[in-house]
N, C-alpha and C. Protein backbone atom coordinates (compact mmCIF):
# COMPACT_ATOMS: atom_id res chain seq x y z
N MET A 1 -9.72 7.41 -7.61
CA MET A 1 -8.96 8.14 -8.61
C MET A 1 -8.98 7.31 -9.90
N SER A 2 -9.13 7.99 -11.00
CA SER A 2 -9.19 7.32 -12.30
C SER A 2 -7.79 6.90 -12.77
N THR A 3 -7.75 6.01 -13.75
CA THR A 3 -6.48 5.56 -14.31
C THR A 3 -5.69 6.75 -14.89
N PRO A 4 -6.33 7.65 -15.67
CA PRO A 4 -5.58 8.81 -16.14
C PRO A 4 -5.10 9.70 -14.99
N GLY A 5 -5.89 9.79 -13.92
CA GLY A 5 -5.49 10.58 -12.76
C GLY A 5 -4.26 10.00 -12.08
N ILE A 6 -4.23 8.68 -11.94
CA ILE A 6 -3.06 8.01 -11.34
C ILE A 6 -1.85 8.21 -12.23
N HIS A 7 -2.05 8.07 -13.54
CA HIS A 7 -0.95 8.28 -14.50
C HIS A 7 -0.38 9.68 -14.34
N SER A 8 -1.24 10.67 -14.28
CA SER A 8 -0.81 12.06 -14.15
C SER A 8 -0.10 12.28 -12.81
N HIS A 9 -0.64 11.73 -11.75
CA HIS A 9 -0.05 11.87 -10.42
C HIS A 9 1.35 11.27 -10.38
N MET A 10 1.51 10.07 -10.92
CA MET A 10 2.81 9.41 -10.95
C MET A 10 3.82 10.25 -11.73
N ASN A 11 3.36 10.83 -12.82
CA ASN A 11 4.24 11.66 -13.64
C ASN A 11 4.65 12.94 -12.91
N GLN A 12 3.70 13.57 -12.23
CA GLN A 12 3.99 14.81 -11.53
C GLN A 12 4.85 14.59 -10.28
N ILE A 13 4.52 13.59 -9.49
CA ILE A 13 5.20 13.38 -8.21
C ILE A 13 6.54 12.66 -8.38
N TYR A 14 6.53 11.58 -9.17
CA TYR A 14 7.72 10.73 -9.27
C TYR A 14 8.49 10.89 -10.58
N VAL A 15 7.96 11.73 -11.47
CA VAL A 15 8.56 11.99 -12.78
C VAL A 15 8.85 10.69 -13.53
N ILE A 16 7.84 9.82 -13.55
CA ILE A 16 7.93 8.59 -14.34
C ILE A 16 6.70 8.50 -15.22
N ASP A 17 6.87 7.89 -16.36
CA ASP A 17 5.77 7.73 -17.30
C ASP A 17 5.29 6.29 -17.24
N VAL A 18 4.13 6.10 -16.64
CA VAL A 18 3.54 4.77 -16.50
C VAL A 18 2.33 4.70 -17.42
N SER A 19 2.27 3.66 -18.23
CA SER A 19 1.15 3.55 -19.16
C SER A 19 -0.15 3.27 -18.41
N ALA A 20 -1.26 3.63 -19.05
CA ALA A 20 -2.57 3.38 -18.46
C ALA A 20 -2.78 1.88 -18.26
N GLU A 21 -2.25 1.06 -19.15
CA GLU A 21 -2.39 -0.39 -19.02
C GLU A 21 -1.69 -0.90 -17.75
N ILE A 22 -0.50 -0.40 -17.48
CA ILE A 22 0.23 -0.83 -16.29
C ILE A 22 -0.50 -0.37 -15.03
N VAL A 23 -0.98 0.88 -15.03
CA VAL A 23 -1.74 1.39 -13.89
C VAL A 23 -2.96 0.51 -13.64
N SER A 24 -3.65 0.16 -14.70
CA SER A 24 -4.84 -0.67 -14.58
C SER A 24 -4.50 -2.06 -14.04
N ARG A 25 -3.43 -2.65 -14.54
CA ARG A 25 -3.02 -3.99 -14.07
C ARG A 25 -2.62 -3.97 -12.60
N ILE A 26 -1.91 -2.92 -12.19
CA ILE A 26 -1.49 -2.82 -10.79
C ILE A 26 -2.70 -2.63 -9.88
N THR A 27 -3.60 -1.72 -10.26
CA THR A 27 -4.77 -1.49 -9.41
C THR A 27 -5.65 -2.73 -9.34
N ASP A 28 -5.76 -3.48 -10.44
CA ASP A 28 -6.53 -4.73 -10.42
C ASP A 28 -5.92 -5.73 -9.44
N LYS A 29 -4.59 -5.75 -9.34
CA LYS A 29 -3.91 -6.68 -8.43
C LYS A 29 -4.07 -6.29 -6.97
N ILE A 30 -4.00 -4.97 -6.67
CA ILE A 30 -4.03 -4.56 -5.27
C ILE A 30 -5.42 -4.26 -4.73
N LEU A 31 -6.41 -4.17 -5.61
CA LEU A 31 -7.77 -3.84 -5.18
C LEU A 31 -8.32 -4.85 -4.16
N PRO A 32 -8.17 -6.17 -4.37
CA PRO A 32 -8.68 -7.10 -3.35
C PRO A 32 -8.03 -6.89 -1.98
N THR A 33 -6.74 -6.60 -1.96
CA THR A 33 -6.05 -6.36 -0.69
C THR A 33 -6.57 -5.09 -0.03
N ALA A 34 -6.77 -4.04 -0.84
CA ALA A 34 -7.28 -2.78 -0.31
C ALA A 34 -8.68 -2.95 0.26
N LYS A 35 -9.53 -3.70 -0.42
CA LYS A 35 -10.88 -3.94 0.06
C LYS A 35 -10.87 -4.75 1.35
N ALA A 36 -9.99 -5.76 1.43
CA ALA A 36 -9.87 -6.56 2.65
C ALA A 36 -9.41 -5.67 3.81
N TRP A 37 -8.48 -4.77 3.54
CA TRP A 37 -7.98 -3.84 4.55
C TRP A 37 -9.11 -2.95 5.06
N GLN A 38 -9.96 -2.47 4.15
CA GLN A 38 -11.08 -1.61 4.54
C GLN A 38 -12.05 -2.35 5.45
N ASN A 39 -12.21 -3.64 5.24
CA ASN A 39 -13.18 -4.42 6.01
C ASN A 39 -12.59 -5.01 7.28
N CYS A 40 -11.31 -4.81 7.52
CA CYS A 40 -10.64 -5.35 8.69
C CYS A 40 -10.98 -4.49 9.92
N SER A 41 -11.17 -5.15 11.06
CA SER A 41 -11.47 -4.37 12.27
C SER A 41 -10.24 -3.58 12.72
N LEU A 42 -10.48 -2.45 13.33
CA LEU A 42 -9.38 -1.60 13.78
C LEU A 42 -8.53 -2.29 14.84
N ASP A 43 -9.14 -3.11 15.68
CA ASP A 43 -8.38 -3.82 16.71
C ASP A 43 -7.34 -4.72 16.07
N LEU A 44 -7.70 -5.42 15.01
CA LEU A 44 -6.77 -6.32 14.33
C LEU A 44 -5.64 -5.53 13.68
N ILE A 45 -5.97 -4.38 13.08
CA ILE A 45 -4.95 -3.55 12.45
C ILE A 45 -3.97 -3.05 13.51
N TYR A 46 -4.49 -2.58 14.65
CA TYR A 46 -3.62 -2.08 15.71
C TYR A 46 -2.73 -3.20 16.23
N LEU A 47 -3.30 -4.38 16.44
CA LEU A 47 -2.53 -5.52 16.93
C LEU A 47 -1.42 -5.87 15.95
N LYS A 48 -1.73 -5.87 14.67
CA LYS A 48 -0.74 -6.19 13.64
C LYS A 48 0.43 -5.22 13.70
N TYR A 49 0.14 -3.93 13.80
CA TYR A 49 1.21 -2.93 13.85
C TYR A 49 1.95 -2.99 15.19
N SER A 50 1.23 -3.25 16.24
CA SER A 50 1.86 -3.33 17.55
C SER A 50 2.86 -4.49 17.58
N LEU A 51 2.46 -5.64 17.06
CA LEU A 51 3.36 -6.78 17.02
C LEU A 51 4.54 -6.52 16.11
N LYS A 52 4.29 -5.86 14.99
CA LYS A 52 5.36 -5.53 14.06
C LYS A 52 6.37 -4.59 14.73
N GLU A 53 5.87 -3.59 15.46
CA GLU A 53 6.73 -2.66 16.18
C GLU A 53 7.59 -3.39 17.20
N GLN A 54 6.98 -4.30 17.95
CA GLN A 54 7.72 -5.05 18.97
C GLN A 54 8.78 -5.92 18.33
N TYR A 55 8.46 -6.53 17.21
CA TYR A 55 9.41 -7.37 16.51
C TYR A 55 10.60 -6.53 16.03
N LEU A 56 10.31 -5.36 15.47
CA LEU A 56 11.38 -4.48 15.00
C LEU A 56 12.26 -4.02 16.16
N MET A 57 11.66 -3.72 17.31
CA MET A 57 12.44 -3.31 18.48
C MET A 57 13.35 -4.45 18.92
N LEU A 58 12.85 -5.68 18.89
CA LEU A 58 13.68 -6.82 19.26
C LEU A 58 14.86 -6.99 18.30
N LEU A 59 14.61 -6.77 17.02
CA LEU A 59 15.68 -6.86 16.05
C LEU A 59 16.74 -5.79 16.28
N ILE A 60 16.29 -4.59 16.58
CA ILE A 60 17.23 -3.49 16.82
C ILE A 60 18.04 -3.77 18.08
N MET A 61 17.40 -4.27 19.12
CA MET A 61 18.10 -4.57 20.36
C MET A 61 19.11 -5.70 20.17
N ALA A 62 18.82 -6.61 19.26
CA ALA A 62 19.71 -7.74 19.01
C ALA A 62 20.98 -7.30 18.29
N LEU A 63 20.92 -6.17 17.62
CA LEU A 63 22.09 -5.67 16.90
C LEU A 63 23.06 -5.14 17.91
């Protein structure tokens, strides 16, 4: 999605006006993380979420 497209989407969905510069700066910051996520094996992603789920269940049980 282009910077103007993201700007338009944010305005339509969240009713906020975000400048193209801010959109560009944010996407530049998160792009390396998004690319790393794309290259991560599915087993590792599942394990990460599975462990997170178990941790959250332990927290809830402790309450």
